[in-house]
Amino acid sequence: MNLGLSLDYDGGGLGKGASVTLLVDHAAVVSGRLERTVPFRFSMSGETLDVGVDTGSPVAPYGHDFRFTGRIDRIDVTVDPHPADLAAAIAEAEMRAALGSQ
């Protein structure tokens, strides 16, 4: 099975909306809207993108006993480049966040 997500960002700055489509075996199965997106990063303190288990801090008081026990053969992530103005805004926001945590 191949799962995918297509995200068409509205543009115009950080944290704006997007149209999203969930793909299963390369076929669109559902589409919708995100009125807001994450402006740049979830965390500057080492939170990671995990597959099969969450190794970071929980967002609610629950245990880490939900480990995936199946088999993940392969994960491919394709990220299109940001437009130059958005890339510059992300870099500036990340710098402000890093300096603010000093």
PDB file of N, CA and C in Angstrom:
ATOM      1  N   MET A   1       0.841  -1.166   0.000  1.00  0.00           N
ATOM      2  CA  MET A   1       0.000   0.000   0.000  1.00  0.00           C
ATOM      3  C   MET A   1       0.886   1.228   0.000  1.00  0.00           C
ATOM      4  N   ASN A   2       0.513   2.229  -0.753  1.00  0.00           N
ATOM      5  CA  ASN A   2       1.230   3.487  -0.834  1.00  0.00           C
ATOM      6  C   ASN A   2       0.305   4.576  -0.322  1.00  0.00           C
ATOM      7  N   LEU A   3       0.738   5.298   0.722  1.00  0.00           N
ATOM      8  CA  LEU A   3      -0.030   6.412   1.267  1.00  0.00           C
ATOM      9  C   LEU A   3       0.673   7.707   0.921  1.00  0.00           C
ATOM     10  N   GLY A   4      -0.096   8.717   0.576  1.00  0.00           N
ATOM     11  CA  GLY A   4       0.488  10.005   0.250  1.00  0.00           C
ATOM     12  C   GLY A   4      -0.409  11.140   0.693  1.00  0.00           C
ATOM     13  N   LEU A   5       0.159  12.317   0.782  1.00  0.00           N
ATOM     14  CA  LEU A   5      -0.586  13.521   1.113  1.00  0.00           C
ATOM     15  C   LEU A   5      -0.096  14.624   0.200  1.00  0.00           C
ATOM     16  N   SER A   6      -0.998  15.204  -0.540  1.00  0.00           N
ATOM     17  CA  SER A   6      -0.669  16.339  -1.388  1.00  0.00           C
ATOM     18  C   SER A   6      -1.143  17.595  -0.677  1.00  0.00           C
ATOM     19  N   LEU A   7      -0.254  18.578  -0.526  1.00  0.00           N
ATOM     20  CA  LEU A   7      -0.577  19.817   0.162  1.00  0.00           C
ATOM     21  C   LEU A   7      -0.304  20.972  -0.782  1.00  0.00           C
ATOM     22  N   ASP A   8      -1.330  21.765  -1.067  1.00  0.00           N
ATOM     23  CA  ASP A   8      -1.210  22.933  -1.939  1.00  0.00           C
ATOM     24  C   ASP A   8      -1.346  24.173  -1.068  1.00  0.00           C
ATOM     25  N   TYR A   9      -0.185  24.743  -0.671  1.00  0.00           N
ATOM     26  CA  TYR A   9      -0.133  25.864   0.269  1.00  0.00           C
ATOM     27  C   TYR A   9      -0.676  27.130  -0.368  1.00  0.00           C
ATOM     28  N   ASP A  10      -1.480  27.883   0.395  1.00  0.00           N
ATOM     29  CA  ASP A  10      -2.076  29.120  -0.108  1.00  0.00           C
ATOM     30  C   ASP A  10      -1.043  30.204  -0.363  1.00  0.00           C
ATOM     31  N   GLY A  11       0.054  30.200   0.386  1.00  0.00           N
ATOM     32  CA  GLY A  11       1.075  31.236   0.246  1.00  0.00           C
ATOM     33  C   GLY A  11       0.679  32.500   0.990  1.00  0.00           C
ATOM     34  N   GLY A  12       1.494  33.530   0.856  1.00  0.00           N
ATOM     35  CA  GLY A  12       1.200  34.802   1.496  1.00  0.00           C
ATOM     36  C   GLY A  12       1.718  34.925   2.914  1.00  0.00           C
ATOM     37  N   GLY A  13       2.693  34.123   3.287  1.00  0.00           N
ATOM     38  CA  GLY A  13       3.276  34.218   4.618  1.00  0.00           C
ATOM     39  C   GLY A  13       3.267  32.890   5.344  1.00  0.00           C
ATOM     40  N   LEU A  14       3.688  32.943   6.614  1.00  0.00           N
ATOM     41  CA  LEU A  14       3.790  31.733   7.428  1.00  0.00           C
ATOM     42  C   LEU A  14       2.449  31.372   8.055  1.00  0.00           C
ATOM     43  N   GLY A  15       2.196  30.083   8.203  1.00  0.00           N
ATOM     44  CA  GLY A  15       1.025  29.612   8.920  1.00  0.00           C
ATOM     45  C   GLY A  15      -0.296  29.778   8.195  1.00  0.00           C
ATOM     46  N   LYS A  16      -0.262  30.044   6.910  1.00  0.00           N
ATOM     47  CA  LYS A  16      -1.501  30.225   6.139  1.00  0.00           C
ATOM     48  C   LYS A  16      -2.132  28.873   5.847  1.00  0.00           C
ATOM     49  N   GLY A  17      -3.256  28.878   5.169  1.00  0.00           N
ATOM     50  CA  GLY A  17      -4.004  27.658   4.896  1.00  0.00           C
ATOM     51  C   GLY A  17      -3.458  26.865   3.726  1.00  0.00           C
ATOM     52  N   ALA A  18      -4.108  25.725   3.484  1.00  0.00           N
ATOM     53  CA  ALA A  18      -3.708  24.850   2.385  1.00  0.00           C
ATOM     54  C   ALA A  18      -4.855  23.910   2.043  1.00  0.00           C
ATOM     55  N   SER A  19      -4.888  23.493   0.796  1.00  0.00           N
ATOM     56  CA  SER A  19      -5.772  22.413   0.370  1.00  0.00           C
ATOM     57  C   SER A  19      -4.977  21.123   0.465  1.00  0.00           C
ATOM     58  N   VAL A  20      -5.586  20.077   1.003  1.00  0.00           N
ATOM     59  CA  VAL A  20      -4.892  18.807   1.168  1.00  0.00           C
ATOM     60  C   VAL A  20      -5.702  17.671   0.553  1.00  0.00           C
ATOM     61  N   THR A  21      -4.993  16.690   0.029  1.00  0.00           N
ATOM     62  CA  THR A  21      -5.620  15.500  -0.541  1.00  0.00           C
ATOM     63  C   THR A  21      -4.877  14.275  -0.038  1.00  0.00           C
ATOM     64  N   LEU A  22      -5.611  13.310   0.501  1.00  0.00           N
ATOM     65  CA  LEU A  22      -5.043  12.042   0.931  1.00  0.00           C
ATOM     66  C   LEU A  22      -5.084  11.077  -0.245  1.00  0.00           C
ATOM     67  N   LEU A  23      -3.940  10.432  -0.509  1.00  0.00           N
ATOM     68  CA  LEU A  23      -3.810   9.499  -1.626  1.00  0.00           C
ATOM     69  C   LEU A  23      -3.559   8.093  -1.091  1.00  0.00           C
ATOM     70  N   VAL A  24      -4.232   7.119  -1.656  1.00  0.00           N
ATOM     71  CA  VAL A  24      -3.988   5.711  -1.347  1.00  0.00           C
ATOM     72  C   VAL A  24      -3.683   5.023  -2.665  1.00  0.00           C
ATOM     73  N   ASP A  25      -2.497   4.425  -2.750  1.00  0.00           N
ATOM     74  CA  ASP A  25      -2.032   3.819  -4.000  1.00  0.00           C
ATOM     75  C   ASP A  25      -2.147   4.802  -5.162  1.00  0.00           C
ATOM     76  N   HIS A  26      -1.727   6.040  -4.899  1.00  0.00           N
ATOM     77  CA  HIS A  26      -1.654   7.127  -5.880  1.00  0.00           C
ATOM     78  C   HIS A  26      -3.016   7.648  -6.333  1.00  0.00           C
ATOM     79  N   ALA A  27      -4.108   7.205  -5.721  1.00  0.00           N
ATOM     80  CA  ALA A  27      -5.449   7.679  -6.080  1.00  0.00           C
ATOM     81  C   ALA A  27      -5.986   8.550  -4.950  1.00  0.00           C
ATOM     82  N   ALA A  28      -6.567   9.703  -5.302  1.00  0.00           N
ATOM     83  CA  ALA A  28      -7.154  10.594  -4.308  1.00  0.00           C
ATOM     84  C   ALA A  28      -8.369   9.926  -3.672  1.00  0.00           C
ATOM     85  N   VAL A  29      -8.402   9.915  -2.331  1.00  0.00           N
ATOM     86  CA  VAL A  29      -9.547   9.320  -1.640  1.00  0.00           C
ATOM     87  C   VAL A  29     -10.360  10.351  -0.865  1.00  0.00           C
ATOM     88  N   VAL A  30      -9.745  11.450  -0.467  1.00  0.00           N
ATOM     89  CA  VAL A  30     -10.469  12.512   0.229  1.00  0.00           C
ATOM     90  C   VAL A  30      -9.649  13.794   0.140  1.00  0.00           C
ATOM     91  N   SER A  31     -10.350  14.920   0.074  1.00  0.00           N
ATOM     92  CA  SER A  31      -9.699  16.231   0.041  1.00  0.00           C
ATOM     93  C   SER A  31     -10.338  17.122   1.091  1.00  0.00           C
ATOM     94  N   GLY A  32      -9.605  18.118   1.514  1.00  0.00           N
ATOM     95  CA  GLY A  32     -10.128  19.047   2.507  1.00  0.00           C
ATOM     96  C   GLY A  32      -9.255  20.279   2.620  1.00  0.00           C
ATOM     97  N   ARG A  33      -9.532  21.077   3.647  1.00  0.00           N
ATOM     98  CA  ARG A  33      -8.813  22.324   3.880  1.00  0.00           C
ATOM     99  C   ARG A  33      -8.174  22.331   5.252  1.00  0.00           C
ATOM    100  N   LEU A  34      -6.997  22.911   5.326  1.00  0.00           N
ATOM    101  CA  LEU A  34      -6.380  23.304   6.588  1.00  0.00           C
ATOM    102  C   LEU A  34      -6.426  24.822   6.591  1.00  0.00           C
ATOM    103  N   GLU A  35      -7.131  25.411   7.524  1.00  0.00           N
ATOM    104  CA  GLU A  35      -7.225  26.875   7.548  1.00  0.00           C
ATOM    105  C   GLU A  35      -5.938  27.508   8.049  1.00  0.00           C
ATOM    106  N   ARG A  36      -5.165  26.760   8.833  1.00  0.00           N
ATOM    107  CA  ARG A  36      -3.867  27.234   9.319  1.00  0.00           C
ATOM    108  C   ARG A  36      -2.887  26.070   9.252  1.00  0.00           C
ATOM    109  N   THR A  37      -1.628  26.377   9.021  1.00  0.00           N
ATOM    110  CA  THR A  37      -0.583  25.363   9.030  1.00  0.00           C
ATOM    111  C   THR A  37       0.467  25.735  10.070  1.00  0.00           C
ATOM    112  N   VAL A  38       1.326  24.796  10.412  1.00  0.00           N
ATOM    113  CA  VAL A  38       2.419  25.070  11.347  1.00  0.00           C
ATOM    114  C   VAL A  38       3.392  26.010  10.651  1.00  0.00           C
ATOM    115  N   PRO A  39       3.713  27.160  11.261  1.00  0.00           N
ATOM    116  CA  PRO A  39       4.528  28.156  10.569  1.00  0.00           C
ATOM    117  C   PRO A  39       5.932  27.702  10.190  1.00  0.00           C
ATOM    118  N   PHE A  40       6.621  26.933  11.030  1.00  0.00           N
ATOM    119  CA  PHE A  40       7.939  26.451  10.637  1.00  0.00           C
ATOM    120  C   PHE A  40       8.265  25.140  11.299  1.00  0.00           C
ATOM    121  N   ARG A  41       8.564  25.072  12.562  1.00  0.00           N
ATOM    122  CA  ARG A  41       8.901  23.809  13.224  1.00  0.00           C
ATOM    123  C   ARG A  41       8.024  23.620  14.449  1.00  0.00           C
ATOM    124  N   PHE A  42       7.812  22.358  14.797  1.00  0.00           N
ATOM    125  CA  PHE A  42       7.079  22.076  16.024  1.00  0.00           C
ATOM    126  C   PHE A  42       7.918  22.417  17.242  1.00  0.00           C
ATOM    127  N   SER A  43       9.220  22.193  17.174  1.00  0.00           N
ATOM    128  CA  SER A  43      10.055  22.326  18.354  1.00  0.00           C
ATOM    129  C   SER A  43      11.481  22.656  17.955  1.00  0.00           C
ATOM    130  N   MET A  44      12.099  23.494  18.740  1.00  0.00           N
ATOM    131  CA  MET A  44      13.516  23.782  18.552  1.00  0.00           C
ATOM    132  C   MET A  44      14.344  22.950  19.536  1.00  0.00           C
ATOM    133  N   SER A  45      13.683  22.054  20.288  1.00  0.00           N
ATOM    134  CA  SER A  45      14.382  21.348  21.358  1.00  0.00           C
ATOM    135  C   SER A  45      14.582  19.862  21.094  1.00  0.00           C
ATOM    136  N   GLY A  46      14.551  19.453  19.833  1.00  0.00           N
ATOM    137  CA  GLY A  46      14.901  18.079  19.537  1.00  0.00           C
ATOM    138  C   GLY A  46      13.758  17.129  19.273  1.00  0.00           C
ATOM    139  N   GLU A  47      12.514  17.604  19.253  1.00  0.00           N
ATOM    140  CA  GLU A  47      11.414  16.711  18.879  1.00  0.00           C
ATOM    141  C   GLU A  47      11.684  16.204  17.470  1.00  0.00           C
ATOM    142  N   THR A  48      11.317  14.967  17.227  1.00  0.00           N
ATOM    143  CA  THR A  48      11.646  14.351  15.948  1.00  0.00           C
ATOM    144  C   THR A  48      10.397  13.873  15.233  1.00  0.00           C
ATOM    145  N   LEU A  49      10.562  13.554  13.970  1.00  0.00           N
ATOM    146  CA  LEU A  49       9.516  12.902  13.192  1.00  0.00           C
ATOM    147  C   LEU A  49       9.748  11.408  13.340  1.00  0.00           C
ATOM    148  N   ASP A  50       8.855  10.745  14.037  1.00  0.00           N
ATOM    149  CA  ASP A  50       9.020   9.326  14.330  1.00  0.00           C
ATOM    150  C   ASP A  50       8.011   8.510  13.533  1.00  0.00           C
ATOM    151  N   VAL A  51       8.382   7.310  13.186  1.00  0.00           N
ATOM    152  CA  VAL A  51       7.493   6.380  12.499  1.00  0.00           C
ATOM    153  C   VAL A  51       7.437   5.101  13.314  1.00  0.00           C
ATOM    154  N   GLY A  52       6.245   4.718  13.732  1.00  0.00           N
ATOM    155  CA  GLY A  52       6.076   3.482  14.482  1.00  0.00           C
ATOM    156  C   GLY A  52       6.107   3.642  15.983  1.00  0.00           C
ATOM    157  N   VAL A  53       6.678   4.734  16.472  1.00  0.00           N
ATOM    158  CA  VAL A  53       6.730   5.003  17.905  1.00  0.00           C
ATOM    159  C   VAL A  53       7.020   6.491  18.087  1.00  0.00           C
ATOM    160  N   ASP A  54       6.496   7.079  19.150  1.00  0.00           N
ATOM    161  CA  ASP A  54       6.762   8.483  19.449  1.00  0.00           C
ATOM    162  C   ASP A  54       7.824   8.544  20.527  1.00  0.00           C
ATOM    163  N   THR A  55       9.004   9.047  20.183  1.00  0.00           N
ATOM    164  CA  THR A  55      10.096   9.117  21.152  1.00  0.00           C
ATOM    165  C   THR A  55      10.176  10.467  21.848  1.00  0.00           C
ATOM    166  N   GLY A  56       9.290  11.386  21.482  1.00  0.00           N
ATOM    167  CA  GLY A  56       9.333  12.716  22.068  1.00  0.00           C
ATOM    168  C   GLY A  56       8.396  12.865  23.251  1.00  0.00           C
ATOM    169  N   SER A  57       8.212  14.104  23.667  1.00  0.00           N
ATOM    170  CA  SER A  57       7.337  14.407  24.791  1.00  0.00           C
ATOM    171  C   SER A  57       5.880  14.258  24.371  1.00  0.00           C
ATOM    172  N   PRO A  58       5.041  13.627  25.198  1.00  0.00           N
ATOM    173  CA  PRO A  58       3.631  13.499  24.844  1.00  0.00           C
ATOM    174  C   PRO A  58       2.919  14.849  24.940  1.00  0.00           C
ATOM    175  N   VAL A  59       1.867  15.008  24.158  1.00  0.00           N
ATOM    176  CA  VAL A  59       1.083  16.239  24.204  1.00  0.00           C
ATOM    177  C   VAL A  59      -0.033  16.135  25.233  1.00  0.00           C
ATOM    178  N   ALA A  60      -0.204  14.976  25.808  1.00  0.00           N
ATOM    179  CA  ALA A  60      -1.207  14.733  26.839  1.00  0.00           C
ATOM    180  C   ALA A  60      -0.651  13.660  27.782  1.00  0.00           C
ATOM    181  N   PRO A  61      -1.249  13.518  28.954  1.00  0.00           N
ATOM    182  CA  PRO A  61      -0.730  12.525  29.903  1.00  0.00           C
ATOM    183  C   PRO A  61      -1.120  11.095  29.521  1.00  0.00           C
ATOM    184  N   TYR A  62      -0.383  10.526  28.608  1.00  0.00           N
ATOM    185  CA  TYR A  62      -0.597   9.136  28.217  1.00  0.00           C
ATOM    186  C   TYR A  62       0.756   8.445  28.137  1.00  0.00           C
ATOM    187  N   GLY A  63       0.745   7.144  28.244  1.00  0.00           N
ATOM    188  CA  GLY A  63       1.988   6.380  28.188  1.00  0.00           C
ATOM    189  C   GLY A  63       2.468   6.184  26.768  1.00  0.00           C
ATOM    190  N   HIS A  64       3.655   5.680  26.642  1.00  0.00           N
ATOM    191  CA  HIS A  64       4.248   5.399  25.334  1.00  0.00           C
ATOM    192  C   HIS A  64       4.070   3.922  24.975  1.00  0.00           C
ATOM    193  N   ASP A  65       2.900   3.364  25.242  1.00  0.00           N
ATOM    194  CA  ASP A  65       2.695   1.939  25.014  1.00  0.00           C
ATOM    195  C   ASP A  65       1.926   1.647  23.723  1.00  0.00           C
ATOM    196  N   PHE A  66       2.064   2.512  22.745  1.00  0.00           N
ATOM    197  CA  PHE A  66       1.360   2.336  21.476  1.00  0.00           C
ATOM    198  C   PHE A  66       2.327   2.055  20.333  1.00  0.00           C
ATOM    199  N   ARG A  67       3.400   1.357  20.610  1.00  0.00           N
ATOM    200  CA  ARG A  67       4.412   1.054  19.602  1.00  0.00           C
ATOM    201  C   ARG A  67       3.799   0.229  18.474  1.00  0.00           C
ATOM    202  N   PHE A  68       4.108   0.610  17.242  1.00  0.00           N
ATOM    203  CA  PHE A  68       3.661  -0.137  16.065  1.00  0.00           C
ATOM    204  C   PHE A  68       4.414  -1.452  16.008  1.00  0.00           C
ATOM    205  N   THR A  69       3.697  -2.550  15.868  1.00  0.00           N
ATOM    206  CA  THR A  69       4.344  -3.865  15.881  1.00  0.00           C
ATOM    207  C   THR A  69       4.335  -4.538  14.515  1.00  0.00           C
ATOM    208  N   GLY A  70       3.835  -3.840  13.503  1.00  0.00           N
ATOM    209  CA  GLY A  70       3.836  -4.400  12.154  1.00  0.00           C
ATOM    210  C   GLY A  70       5.177  -4.207  11.476  1.00  0.00           C
ATOM    211  N   ARG A  71       5.165  -4.198  10.179  1.00  0.00           N
ATOM    212  CA  ARG A  71       6.396  -4.059   9.401  1.00  0.00           C
ATOM    213  C   ARG A  71       6.251  -2.884   8.444  1.00  0.00           C
ATOM    214  N   ILE A  72       7.190  -1.967   8.507  1.00  0.00           N
ATOM    215  CA  ILE A  72       7.251  -0.847   7.577  1.00  0.00           C
ATOM    216  C   ILE A  72       8.426  -1.126   6.657  1.00  0.00           C
ATOM    217  N   ASP A  73       8.137  -1.420   5.411  1.00  0.00           N
ATOM    218  CA  ASP A  73       9.199  -1.773   4.476  1.00  0.00           C
ATOM    219  C   ASP A  73       9.954  -0.560   3.963  1.00  0.00           C
ATOM    220  N   ARG A  74       9.245   0.541   3.785  1.00  0.00           N
ATOM    221  CA  ARG A  74       9.912   1.679   3.161  1.00  0.00           C
ATOM    222  C   ARG A  74       9.075   2.935   3.375  1.00  0.00           C
ATOM    223  N   ILE A  75       9.752   4.045   3.563  1.00  0.00           N
ATOM    224  CA  ILE A  75       9.089   5.345   3.649  1.00  0.00           C
ATOM    225  C   ILE A  75       9.842   6.303   2.748  1.00  0.00           C
ATOM    226  N   ASP A  76       9.129   6.906   1.825  1.00  0.00           N
ATOM    227  CA  ASP A  76       9.698   7.936   0.953  1.00  0.00           C
ATOM    228  C   ASP A  76       9.012   9.250   1.269  1.00  0.00           C
ATOM    229  N   VAL A  77       9.780  10.293   1.458  1.00  0.00           N
ATOM    230  CA  VAL A  77       9.233  11.624   1.693  1.00  0.00           C
ATOM    231  C   VAL A  77       9.756  12.533   0.599  1.00  0.00           C
ATOM    232  N   THR A  78       8.849  13.154  -0.120  1.00  0.00           N
ATOM    233  CA  THR A  78       9.220  14.106  -1.162  1.00  0.00           C
ATOM    234  C   THR A  78       8.719  15.477  -0.740  1.00  0.00           C
ATOM    235  N   VAL A  79       9.621  16.424  -0.618  1.00  0.00           N
ATOM    236  CA  VAL A  79       9.262  17.776  -0.217  1.00  0.00           C
ATOM    237  C   VAL A  79       9.683  18.713  -1.331  1.00  0.00           C
ATOM    238  N   ASP A  80       8.715  19.414  -1.889  1.00  0.00           N
ATOM    239  CA  ASP A  80       9.031  20.395  -2.920  1.00  0.00           C
ATOM    240  C   ASP A  80       9.681  21.607  -2.270  1.00  0.00           C
ATOM    241  N   PRO A  81      10.581  22.290  -2.978  1.00  0.00           N
ATOM    242  CA  PRO A  81      11.228  23.468  -2.398  1.00  0.00           C
ATOM    243  C   PRO A  81      10.212  24.579  -2.119  1.00  0.00           C
ATOM    244  N   HIS A  82      10.473  25.338  -1.055  1.00  0.00           N
ATOM    245  CA  HIS A  82       9.632  26.492  -0.746  1.00  0.00           C
ATOM    246  C   HIS A  82       9.928  27.615  -1.732  1.00  0.00           C
ATOM    247  N   PRO A  83       8.939  28.457  -2.041  1.00  0.00           N
ATOM    248  CA  PRO A  83       9.247  29.677  -2.793  1.00  0.00           C
ATOM    249  C   PRO A  83      10.249  30.517  -1.995  1.00  0.00           C
ATOM    250  N   ALA A  84      11.049  31.314  -2.672  1.00  0.00           N
ATOM    251  CA  ALA A  84      12.133  32.068  -2.024  1.00  0.00           C
ATOM    252  C   ALA A  84      11.636  32.935  -0.875  1.00  0.00           C
ATOM    253  N   ASP A  85      10.499  33.629  -1.044  1.00  0.00           N
ATOM    254  CA  ASP A  85      10.015  34.515   0.017  1.00  0.00           C
ATOM    255  C   ASP A  85       9.597  33.722   1.254  1.00  0.00           C
ATOM    256  N   LEU A  86       8.999  32.565   1.064  1.00  0.00           N
ATOM    257  CA  LEU A  86       8.595  31.739   2.194  1.00  0.00           C
ATOM    258  C   LEU A  86       9.817  31.120   2.870  1.00  0.00           C
ATOM    259  N   ALA A  87      10.792  30.685   2.099  1.00  0.00           N
ATOM    260  CA  ALA A  87      12.021  30.123   2.666  1.00  0.00           C
ATOM    261  C   ALA A  87      12.729  31.162   3.529  1.00  0.00           C
ATOM    262  N   ALA A  88      12.762  32.417   3.076  1.00  0.00           N
ATOM    263  CA  ALA A  88      13.398  33.485   3.849  1.00  0.00           C
ATOM    264  C   ALA A  88      12.630  33.749   5.139  1.00  0.00           C
ATOM    265  N   ALA A  89      11.301  33.735   5.086  1.00  0.00           N
ATOM    266  CA  ALA A  89      10.487  33.966   6.280  1.00  0.00           C
ATOM    267  C   ALA A  89      10.672  32.836   7.292  1.00  0.00           C
ATOM    268  N   ILE A  90      10.763  31.600   6.816  1.00  0.00           N
ATOM    269  CA  ILE A  90      10.992  30.458   7.710  1.00  0.00           C
ATOM    270  C   ILE A  90      12.358  30.575   8.376  1.00  0.00           C
ATOM    271  N   ALA A  91      13.384  30.909   7.601  1.00  0.00           N
ATOM    272  CA  ALA A  91      14.735  31.049   8.157  1.00  0.00           C
ATOM    273  C   ALA A  91      14.771  32.136   9.226  1.00  0.00           C
ATOM    274  N   GLU A  92      14.098  33.253   8.979  1.00  0.00           N
ATOM    275  CA  GLU A  92      14.069  34.346   9.955  1.00  0.00           C
ATOM    276  C   GLU A  92      13.330  33.918  11.227  1.00  0.00           C
ATOM    277  N   ALA A  93      12.199  33.241  11.075  1.00  0.00           N
ATOM    278  CA  ALA A  93      11.437  32.789  12.241  1.00  0.00           C
ATOM    279  C   ALA A  93      12.228  31.776  13.062  1.00  0.00           C
ATOM    280  N   GLU A  94      12.930  30.873  12.397  1.00  0.00           N
ATOM    281  CA  GLU A  94      13.745  29.890  13.111  1.00  0.00           C
ATOM    282  C   GLU A  94      14.885  30.565  13.862  1.00  0.00           C
ATOM    283  N   MET A  95      15.482  31.588  13.264  1.00  0.00           N
ATOM    284  CA  MET A  95      16.555  32.320  13.937  1.00  0.00           C
ATOM    285  C   MET A  95      16.017  33.033  15.176  1.00  0.00           C
ATOM    286  N   ARG A  96      14.858  33.680  15.059  1.00  0.00           N
ATOM    287  CA  ARG A  96      14.260  34.356  16.221  1.00  0.00           C
ATOM    288  C   ARG A  96      13.954  33.351  17.333  1.00  0.00           C
ATOM    289  N   ALA A  97      13.428  32.184  16.951  1.00  0.00           N
ATOM    290  CA  ALA A  97      13.112  31.157  17.951  1.00  0.00           C
ATOM    291  C   ALA A  97      14.379  30.653  18.633  1.00  0.00           C
ATOM    292  N   ALA A  98      15.431  30.435  17.861  1.00  0.00           N
ATOM    293  CA  ALA A  98      16.696  29.956  18.428  1.00  0.00           C
ATOM    294  C   ALA A  98      17.285  30.989  19.380  1.00  0.00           C
ATOM    295  N   LEU A  99      17.272  32.250  18.993  1.00  0.00           N
ATOM    296  CA  LEU A  99      17.811  33.302  19.857  1.00  0.00           C
ATOM    297  C   LEU A  99      16.960  33.476  21.109  1.00  0.00           C
ATOM    298  N   GLY A 100      15.650  33.275  20.965  1.00  0.00           N
ATOM    299  CA  GLY A 100      14.752  33.407  22.106  1.00  0.00           C
ATOM    300  C   GLY A 100      14.917  32.301  23.132  1.00  0.00           C
ATOM    301  N   SER A 101      15.519  31.200  22.736  1.00  0.00           N
ATOM    302  CA  SER A 101      15.693  30.083  23.670  1.00  0.00           C
ATOM    303  C   SER A 101      17.052  30.103  24.347  1.00  0.00           C
ATOM    304  N   GLN A 102      17.868  31.114  24.082  1.00  0.00           N
ATOM    305  CA  GLN A 102      19.201  31.201  24.674  1.00  0.00           C
ATOM    306  C   GLN A 102      19.139  31.660  26.105  1.00  0.00           C
TER     307      GLN A 102
END
